[in-house]
C-alpha cells in the first residue's frame, strides 16, 4: 500500500472517537528529559555533529534529551533506540500498535494529534525535532522551535533507523538491533526452509474484499525468511474472495484492519463461507490472525515482531 493509504488507515482510529491528548503537565518529566546520560554509546557519541538531511544540514550541538517525533513511524525507531519522545504524532492510535503501545504505557508523551499541532510541539520544548518529508514545507517553522532534521519516508526501515540513530548518537544501539534482527531472520529462514515452496499471503479483510500488499511492503517476509509469494499478486491491491480462491495460497496471514474492523472478527465472519472453507489455507488450519498493524509499516519494532509471529505460526507442525 502507498504511504498515504497506510498512514491514513492507521490514523482513522483517531477519527473513530479515540481521545488522547497531552498526558503530562510537564512535557519533560518522567521521559527522556529526566534520564541521565548513560555511559557507553551515549557518552561516547561526539557532539556537536552536523546531520545532512532533505532540507540541508543541521548542527546538533549536544546529545538531544527531549526529542519530538511528528511522524508516527519515527516513534517506533526512537523506542527501539531506547528513547521515549517528549512529543509524538498519533498517540491516539497506538492501539493499532499494541507492542509499541506497551513500550509507551505510562510515559508522559504529548500527543501532537493526527494533523501535527505546532502549538503542542512548541509547548513540548524539544531539543530536537525529527520529522518526515511530509513536513518538509514546514521546515523553517519547525527550525524556529528546535533544531530539525527531515528524513524521507522509505520502505528501507533499516536505513531510516540508522539515520535517526546518527542524529541522536545511538549508532551502536541501532547496529545491535539490526544484528539481532538479521540473526533471527537467518535462524528462522533455516527453520522454515521445508516450507519454501508453500505460498504465503498477507492481507487485511474489510468485510467484502481482501487488501493485499506489494512485495516491497512485505519484503521482510519473502526475502528475509525465504517465503514464497502468491503468483500474480506482486503489486498487491484489492481481491474479492472469489479471486483469492483462484490464487488459493497455502498460508494466509490476516492482519487486523482498524479502518474497517469486523466486529465479530474475521474468523467468525468467514467460518460458514463455502468458498473460504474450500481454500487450502482454511482447510489446513493455516490461517493466522495478527493484531499488530505495525508489521506492515517501515517500523523496526514491528518488523521484529513480524518475523517472530511468522515463525510462531509456520514453525509449528
Protein backbone atom coordinates (compact mmCIF):
# COMPACT_ATOMS: atom_id res chain seq x y z
CA UNK A 1 0.00 0.00 0.00
CA UNK A 2 1.09 3.51 -0.72
CA UNK A 3 2.41 5.50 2.20
CA UNK A 4 -0.57 7.85 2.40
CA UNK A 5 -3.03 4.95 2.37
CA UNK A 6 -1.17 3.13 5.12
CA UNK A 7 -0.84 6.19 7.36
CA UNK A 8 -4.46 7.19 6.74
CA UNK A 9 -5.58 3.67 7.55
CA UNK A 10 -3.92 3.85 10.94
CA UNK A 11 -4.86 7.42 11.73
CA UNK A 12 -8.53 6.64 11.13
CA UNK A 13 -8.60 5.35 14.68
CA UNK A 14 -8.23 8.89 15.91
CA UNK A 15 -11.19 9.87 13.75
CA UNK A 16 -13.22 7.00 15.16
CA UNK A 17 -13.53 8.65 18.50
CA UNK A 18 -10.44 7.67 20.42
CA UNK A 19 -9.28 10.52 22.55
CA UNK A 20 -5.74 11.22 23.58
CA UNK A 21 -4.14 14.49 24.48
CA UNK A 22 -1.34 15.83 26.45
CA UNK A 23 -0.60 13.14 29.01
CA UNK A 24 1.56 15.19 31.28
CA UNK A 25 1.68 18.71 32.67
CA UNK A 26 5.45 18.80 32.37
CA UNK A 27 6.46 17.52 28.91
CA UNK A 28 9.93 16.60 30.08
CA UNK A 29 9.17 14.92 33.39
CA UNK A 30 9.50 11.16 33.52
CA UNK A 31 10.58 10.77 29.89
CA UNK A 32 13.99 11.20 28.32
CA UNK A 33 14.24 14.63 29.91
CA UNK A 34 14.84 13.32 33.41
CA UNK A 35 17.12 10.48 32.38
CA UNK A 36 20.83 10.95 32.93
CA UNK A 37 23.16 10.34 30.04
CA UNK A 38 24.33 6.80 30.41
CA UNK A 39 27.86 5.57 30.00
CA UNK A 40 28.73 3.72 26.84
CA UNK A 41 27.29 4.65 23.47
CA UNK A 42 25.56 7.86 24.53
CA UNK A 43 28.52 9.14 26.50
CA UNK A 44 30.96 8.34 23.70
CA UNK A 45 28.86 9.95 20.98
CA UNK A 46 30.60 13.03 19.63
CA UNK A 47 28.72 16.30 19.66
CA UNK A 48 28.34 18.76 18.14
CA UNK A 49 27.64 16.93 14.91
CA UNK A 50 26.32 18.06 11.55
CA UNK A 51 23.47 16.00 10.13
CA UNK A 52 22.71 16.09 6.42
CA UNK A 53 19.04 15.70 5.57
CA UNK A 54 16.43 16.59 2.96
CA UNK A 55 16.47 20.31 3.72
CA UNK A 56 20.21 20.77 4.01
CA UNK A 57 22.34 20.44 7.12
CA UNK A 58 21.56 20.86 10.81
CA UNK A 59 24.12 21.26 13.57
CA UNK A 60 23.16 19.40 16.74
CA UNK A 61 25.27 20.92 19.49
CA UNK A 62 24.63 18.40 22.26
CA UNK A 63 23.16 14.95 22.52
CA UNK A 64 19.39 15.60 22.46
CA UNK A 65 17.43 14.58 25.54
CA UNK A 66 13.92 15.78 24.62
CA UNK A 67 13.12 14.56 21.12
CA UNK A 68 9.90 15.29 19.24
CA UNK A 69 8.67 12.89 16.55
CA UNK A 70 5.89 14.46 14.46
CA UNK A 71 5.62 11.29 12.37
CA UNK A 72 4.26 8.11 13.91
CA UNK A 73 6.70 5.65 12.30
CA UNK A 74 9.65 7.51 13.78
CA UNK A 75 8.23 6.93 17.26
CA UNK A 76 8.91 3.24 16.71
CA UNK A 77 12.51 3.99 15.69
CA UNK A 78 13.09 6.05 18.82
CA UNK A 79 11.66 3.41 21.12
CA UNK A 80 13.96 0.79 19.59
CA UNK A 81 16.83 3.17 20.36
CA UNK A 82 15.70 3.45 23.99
CA UNK A 83 14.41 6.99 23.55
CA UNK A 84 10.90 7.91 24.63
CA UNK A 85 9.89 11.01 22.65
CA UNK A 86 8.69 14.03 24.58
CA UNK A 87 6.01 14.58 21.90
CA UNK A 88 4.75 12.42 19.06
CA UNK A 89 2.16 12.17 16.34
CA UNK A 90 -0.59 9.59 16.62
CA UNK A 91 -0.67 8.76 20.32
CA UNK A 92 -4.44 8.32 19.94
CA UNK A 93 -3.92 5.45 17.52
CA UNK A 94 -1.40 3.40 19.48
CA UNK A 95 -3.90 0.59 19.99
CA UNK A 96 -3.13 -0.24 16.34
CA UNK A 97 0.40 -0.98 17.51
CA UNK A 98 -0.03 -2.96 20.75
CA UNK A 99 3.65 -3.85 21.03
CA UNK A 100 4.73 -0.23 20.64
CA UNK A 101 1.95 0.85 22.97
CA UNK A 102 3.38 -1.38 25.71
CA UNK A 103 6.68 0.50 25.42
CA UNK A 104 4.87 3.84 25.80
CA UNK A 105 2.37 2.94 28.53
CA UNK A 106 2.74 5.23 31.50
CA UNK A 107 5.15 7.53 29.70
CA UNK A 108 4.25 11.25 29.55
CA UNK A 109 4.30 11.70 25.77
CA UNK A 110 2.46 14.74 24.41
CA UNK A 111 0.10 13.79 21.59
CA UNK A 112 0.71 16.08 18.63
CA UNK A 113 -2.53 14.92 17.03
CA UNK A 114 -3.44 13.50 13.64
CA UNK A 115 -2.53 16.77 11.98
CA UNK A 116 0.56 17.87 13.89
CA UNK A 117 -0.19 20.75 16.26
CA UNK A 118 2.56 23.35 16.17
CA UNK A 119 1.28 24.74 19.47
CA UNK A 120 1.71 21.40 21.23
CA UNK A 121 5.07 20.90 19.56
CA UNK A 122 6.25 24.28 20.83
CA UNK A 123 4.92 23.54 24.32
CA UNK A 124 6.92 20.31 24.48
CA UNK A 125 10.17 22.34 24.32
CA UNK A 126 12.15 19.72 22.39
CA UNK A 127 15.92 19.71 21.93
CA UNK A 128 15.50 18.10 18.52
CA UNK A 129 12.67 17.54 16.05
CA UNK A 130 12.85 14.51 13.75
CA UNK A 131 10.26 14.99 11.01
CA UNK A 132 9.36 13.19 7.81
CA UNK A 133 9.28 14.64 4.31
CA UNK A 134 5.54 15.29 4.58
CA UNK A 135 6.51 18.27 6.78
CA UNK A 136 9.37 19.49 4.59
CA UNK A 137 7.37 22.59 3.68
CA UNK A 138 7.25 23.50 7.38
CA UNK A 139 10.98 23.15 7.93
CA UNK A 140 11.60 26.82 8.64
CA UNK A 141 8.75 26.92 11.12
CA UNK A 142 9.96 23.76 12.83
CA UNK A 143 13.51 25.05 13.00
CA UNK A 144 12.32 28.07 14.96
CA UNK A 145 11.12 25.67 17.66
CA UNK A 146 14.23 23.47 17.81
CA UNK A 147 16.98 22.07 15.57
CA UNK A 148 15.17 19.96 12.98
CA UNK A 149 16.11 17.17 10.61
CA UNK A 150 13.87 15.98 7.79
CA UNK A 151 14.26 12.34 6.81
CA UNK A 152 12.42 10.77 3.86
CA UNK A 153 9.69 8.20 4.17
CA UNK A 154 11.02 4.96 2.73
CA UNK A 155 10.36 1.25 2.90
CA UNK A 156 14.04 0.93 3.84
CA UNK A 157 13.34 0.80 7.56
CA UNK A 158 16.87 -0.31 8.33
CA UNK A 159 18.31 2.76 6.66
CA UNK A 160 15.85 5.04 8.47
CA UNK A 161 16.79 3.55 11.83
CA UNK A 162 20.45 4.26 11.09
CA UNK A 163 19.67 7.85 10.05
CA UNK A 164 17.78 8.55 13.26
CA UNK A 165 20.45 6.82 15.34
CA UNK A 166 23.07 9.04 13.74
CA UNK A 167 21.16 12.17 14.68
CA UNK A 168 20.90 11.27 18.36
CA UNK A 169 24.15 9.44 18.98
CA UNK A 170 22.76 5.91 19.17
CA UNK A 171 24.59 4.26 16.27
CA UNK A 172 25.74 1.31 18.36
CA UNK A 173 22.22 0.70 19.62
CA UNK A 174 20.89 0.63 16.05
CA UNK A 175 23.68 -1.71 14.95
CA UNK A 176 22.92 -4.10 17.81
CA UNK A 177 19.20 -4.17 16.96
CA UNK A 178 19.85 -4.79 13.26
CA UNK A 179 22.36 -7.52 14.05
CA UNK A 180 19.78 -9.24 16.26
CA UNK A 181 17.14 -8.93 13.54
CA UNK A 182 19.49 -10.44 10.96
CA UNK A 183 20.45 -13.24 13.35
CA UNK A 184 16.81 -14.15 13.98
CA UNK A 185 15.88 -13.86 10.31
CA UNK A 186 18.63 -16.28 9.29
CA UNK A 187 17.70 -18.68 12.05
CA UNK A 188 14.01 -18.58 11.13
CA UNK A 189 14.73 -18.90 7.41
CA UNK A 190 16.66 -22.09 8.05
CA UNK A 191 13.86 -23.48 10.22
CA UNK A 192 11.22 -22.63 7.61
CA UNK A 193 13.21 -23.97 4.66
CA UNK A 194 10.96 -27.01 4.32
CA UNK A 195 8.04 -24.61 3.67
CA UNK A 196 9.83 -22.60 0.98
CA UNK A 197 7.59 -23.96 -1.79
CA UNK A 198 4.35 -23.20 0.06
CA UNK A 199 2.71 -19.92 -0.98
CA UNK A 200 2.07 -17.27 1.66
CA UNK A 201 -0.26 -14.26 1.51
CA UNK A 202 -0.52 -11.27 3.89
CA UNK A 203 -3.81 -9.40 3.80
CA UNK A 204 -6.36 -7.30 5.63
CA UNK A 205 -10.07 -8.01 5.35
CA UNK A 206 -12.72 -5.31 5.19
CA UNK A 207 -15.85 -7.43 5.02
CA UNK A 208 -16.10 -7.62 1.24
CA UNK A 209 -12.57 -7.62 -0.12
CA UNK A 210 -9.09 -8.59 0.96
CA UNK A 211 -6.45 -5.85 0.87
CA UNK A 212 -3.04 -7.17 -0.13
CA UNK A 213 0.36 -5.50 -0.32
CA UNK A 214 3.12 -5.07 -2.85
CA UNK A 215 6.22 -7.19 -2.40
CA UNK A 216 8.29 -4.23 -1.21
CA UNK A 217 5.91 -3.67 1.68
CA UNK A 218 6.27 -7.27 2.86
CA UNK A 219 9.82 -7.90 1.64
CA UNK A 220 10.99 -8.92 5.10
CA UNK A 221 8.76 -11.96 4.95
CA UNK A 222 9.67 -13.12 1.46
CA UNK A 223 13.32 -12.12 1.19
CA UNK A 224 14.47 -12.39 4.80
CA UNK A 225 12.53 -15.55 5.66
CA UNK A 226 12.55 -17.18 2.25
CA UNK A 227 8.77 -17.42 1.97
CA UNK A 228 7.10 -17.84 -1.40
CA UNK A 229 4.74 -15.07 -2.57
CA UNK A 230 1.49 -15.82 -4.33
CA UNK A 231 1.99 -15.62 -8.12
CA UNK A 232 0.01 -12.77 -9.66
CA UNK A 233 -0.13 -10.65 -6.52
CA UNK A 234 3.26 -8.95 -6.76
CA UNK A 235 1.77 -5.44 -6.90
CA UNK A 236 -0.87 -6.00 -4.24
CA UNK A 237 -4.33 -4.48 -4.32
CA UNK A 238 -7.89 -5.50 -3.51
CA UNK A 239 -9.01 -9.07 -4.05
CA UNK A 240 -12.52 -10.47 -3.96
CA UNK A 241 -12.97 -13.74 -2.10
CA UNK A 242 -13.56 -15.44 -5.45
CA UNK A 243 -10.27 -14.09 -6.86
CA UNK A 244 -8.41 -15.09 -3.72
CA UNK A 245 -9.84 -18.59 -4.08
CA UNK A 246 -8.34 -18.90 -7.56
CA UNK A 247 -4.92 -17.96 -6.12
CA UNK A 248 -5.51 -20.42 -3.29
CA UNK A 249 -2.45 -19.72 -1.09
CA UNK A 250 -1.19 -22.37 1.30
CA UNK A 251 -0.86 -19.90 4.19
CA UNK A 252 -2.80 -16.69 4.87
CA UNK A 253 -1.91 -14.08 7.48
CA UNK A 254 -4.84 -11.78 8.28
CA UNK A 255 -3.61 -8.50 9.79
CA UNK A 256 -6.04 -6.53 11.93
CA UNK A 257 -7.87 -3.90 9.90
CA UNK A 258 -8.62 -0.93 12.15
CA UNK A 259 -10.01 1.19 9.32
CA UNK A 260 -12.86 -1.26 8.72
CA UNK A 261 -12.96 -3.53 11.78
CA UNK A 262 -15.05 -6.70 11.71
CA UNK A 263 -16.95 -6.63 14.99
CA UNK A 264 -17.32 -10.37 15.37
CA UNK A 265 -13.84 -10.99 13.99
CA UNK A 266 -12.74 -12.22 10.58
CA UNK A 267 -12.58 -15.86 11.65
CA UNK A 268 -16.13 -15.80 12.93
CA UNK A 269 -17.43 -13.93 9.88
CA UNK A 270 -15.95 -16.39 7.40
CA UNK A 271 -16.42 -19.63 9.31
CA UNK A 272 -19.51 -20.71 7.33
CA UNK A 273 -18.44 -19.34 3.94
CA UNK A 274 -18.30 -22.17 1.42
CA UNK A 275 -15.72 -20.51 -0.84
CA UNK A 276 -13.44 -19.66 2.07
CA UNK A 277 -13.68 -23.12 3.59
CA UNK A 278 -12.82 -24.71 0.25
CA UNK A 279 -9.42 -23.00 0.08
CA UNK A 280 -6.14 -24.66 1.03
CA UNK A 281 -5.25 -22.44 3.99
CA UNK A 282 -8.56 -22.69 5.90
CA UNK A 283 -8.83 -26.43 5.19
CA UNK A 284 -5.32 -26.99 6.55
CA UNK A 285 -5.78 -24.69 9.54
CA UNK A 286 -3.10 -22.42 8.12
CA UNK A 287 -4.82 -19.06 8.52
CA UNK A 288 -3.19 -16.86 11.16
CA UNK A 289 -4.52 -13.65 12.73
CA UNK A 290 -2.17 -10.83 13.76
CA UNK A 291 -3.35 -7.93 15.90
CA UNK A 292 -0.40 -5.56 15.45
CA UNK A 293 -0.77 -3.41 12.33
CA UNK A 294 2.83 -2.19 12.60
CA UNK A 295 4.12 -5.36 10.95
CA UNK A 296 3.07 -3.78 7.64
CA UNK A 297 4.85 -0.47 8.15
CA UNK A 298 8.52 0.52 7.93
CA UNK A 299 8.83 0.25 11.71
CA UNK A 300 11.72 -1.72 13.24
CA UNK A 301 9.91 -2.98 16.33
CA UNK A 302 7.02 -4.01 14.08
CA UNK A 303 9.39 -5.92 11.78
CA UNK A 304 10.99 -7.78 14.66
CA UNK A 305 7.56 -8.75 15.96
CA UNK A 306 6.53 -9.72 12.42
CA UNK A 307 9.22 -12.32 11.82
CA UNK A 308 8.59 -13.75 15.29
CA UNK A 309 4.86 -14.03 14.54
CA UNK A 310 5.59 -15.80 11.24
CA UNK A 311 7.97 -18.20 12.93
CA UNK A 312 5.47 -18.96 15.66
CA UNK A 313 2.70 -19.59 13.13
CA UNK A 314 4.54 -21.56 10.46
CA UNK A 315 7.22 -23.18 12.57
CA UNK A 316 4.77 -25.40 14.42
CA UNK A 317 3.62 -28.60 12.80
